[in-house]
Protein backbone atom coordinates (compact mmCIF):
# COMPACT_ATOMS: atom_id res chain seq x y z
CA MET A 1 21.49 102.06 148.49
CA SER A 2 24.60 102.23 145.99
CA ALA A 3 25.59 98.62 147.03
CA PRO A 4 22.61 96.79 145.57
CA GLN A 5 22.50 98.90 142.42
CA GLU A 6 26.30 98.08 141.68
CA VAL A 7 25.68 94.30 142.41
CA LEU A 8 22.46 94.42 140.20
CA LYS A 9 24.58 96.10 137.37
CA LEU A 10 27.01 93.33 137.59
CA VAL A 11 24.67 90.60 137.64
CA ASP A 12 22.71 92.21 134.38
CA ARG A 13 26.39 92.62 132.45
CA PHE A 14 26.53 88.63 133.29
CA ASP A 15 23.33 87.77 132.15
CA SER A 16 23.45 89.88 128.97
CA ASN A 17 26.95 88.02 127.87
CA ARG A 18 25.79 85.01 129.53
CA GLU A 19 26.53 82.98 126.28
CA SER A 20 30.23 83.89 126.03
CA TYR A 21 30.61 83.50 129.68
CA MET A 22 28.76 80.09 130.11
CA SER A 23 30.74 78.28 127.61
CA GLY A 24 33.62 76.04 128.31
CA GLU A 25 35.66 76.45 131.27
CA TYR A 26 33.79 79.56 132.53
CA LYS A 27 30.52 77.97 133.03
CA GLU A 28 31.34 76.07 136.31
CA ALA A 29 33.38 79.00 137.79
CA LEU A 30 30.71 81.75 136.96
CA HIS A 31 27.36 79.98 137.54
CA PRO A 32 27.71 79.90 141.25
CA ALA A 33 29.12 83.49 141.50
CA ILE A 34 25.89 84.69 139.65
CA SER A 35 23.60 82.60 141.97
CA GLN A 36 25.38 84.39 144.93
CA LEU A 37 25.15 87.80 143.48
CA ARG A 38 21.70 87.47 142.99
CA ARG A 39 20.91 86.30 146.54
CA TYR A 40 23.20 88.83 147.93
CA SER A 41 21.39 91.53 145.64
CA TRP A 42 18.06 90.22 146.87
CA SER A 43 18.86 90.41 150.65
CA LEU A 44 20.20 94.08 150.27
CA MET A 45 16.96 95.14 148.31
CA LEU A 46 14.83 93.37 151.11
CA LEU A 47 16.56 94.77 154.13
CA ASN A 48 16.61 98.46 152.60
CA THR A 49 12.65 97.77 151.84
CA LYS A 50 12.59 96.43 155.56
CA THR A 51 14.34 99.66 156.74
CA MET A 52 12.11 101.99 154.86
CA LEU A 53 8.73 100.44 155.86
CA GLN A 54 10.07 100.48 159.40
CA ARG A 55 10.61 104.05 159.16
CA GLN A 56 7.44 104.89 157.60
CA ILE A 57 5.46 102.94 160.37
CA ASP A 58 7.33 104.90 163.01
CA ALA A 59 6.58 108.15 161.38
CA THR A 60 2.59 107.00 160.89
CA ASP A 61 2.83 106.08 164.78
CA LYS A 62 3.92 109.34 165.64
CA GLU A 63 1.15 111.02 163.53
CA ILE A 64 -1.39 108.62 164.99
CA ASP A 65 -0.06 109.80 168.40
CA LYS A 66 -0.61 113.44 167.38
CA LEU A 67 -3.95 113.43 165.79
CA VAL A 68 -5.86 110.73 168.05
CA TYR A 69 -4.28 111.23 171.19
CA ALA A 70 -3.59 115.03 170.93
CA LEU A 71 0.02 114.49 172.33
CA THR A 72 2.80 116.78 171.98
CA GLU A 73 6.20 116.04 170.84
CA GLU A 74 7.38 116.09 174.51
CA GLU A 75 4.56 113.79 175.61
CA ILE A 76 5.47 111.49 172.79
CA MET A 77 8.88 111.14 173.68
CA ILE A 78 7.78 110.51 177.44
CA VAL A 79 5.43 107.82 176.23
CA GLU A 80 8.38 106.32 173.93
CA GLU A 81 10.72 106.04 176.57
CA LYS A 82 8.53 103.62 178.56
């Protein structure tokens, strides 16, 4: 989770100093890098969100198995193996 935060901080730093970075020779060099960092940070955040949601879905499935079907942990493991 630290990688996306570090990337976001870097992007924010570029954004806050955009005027100085985007003048003259820096403009052409930095603009693609900033765009790439934004895409990378969004990709990481989406991947982390997907992983978190999948864990919540798995936990909910186990709760449903326990409550609705009254399965024990051992029975849930047997069902999940099949």
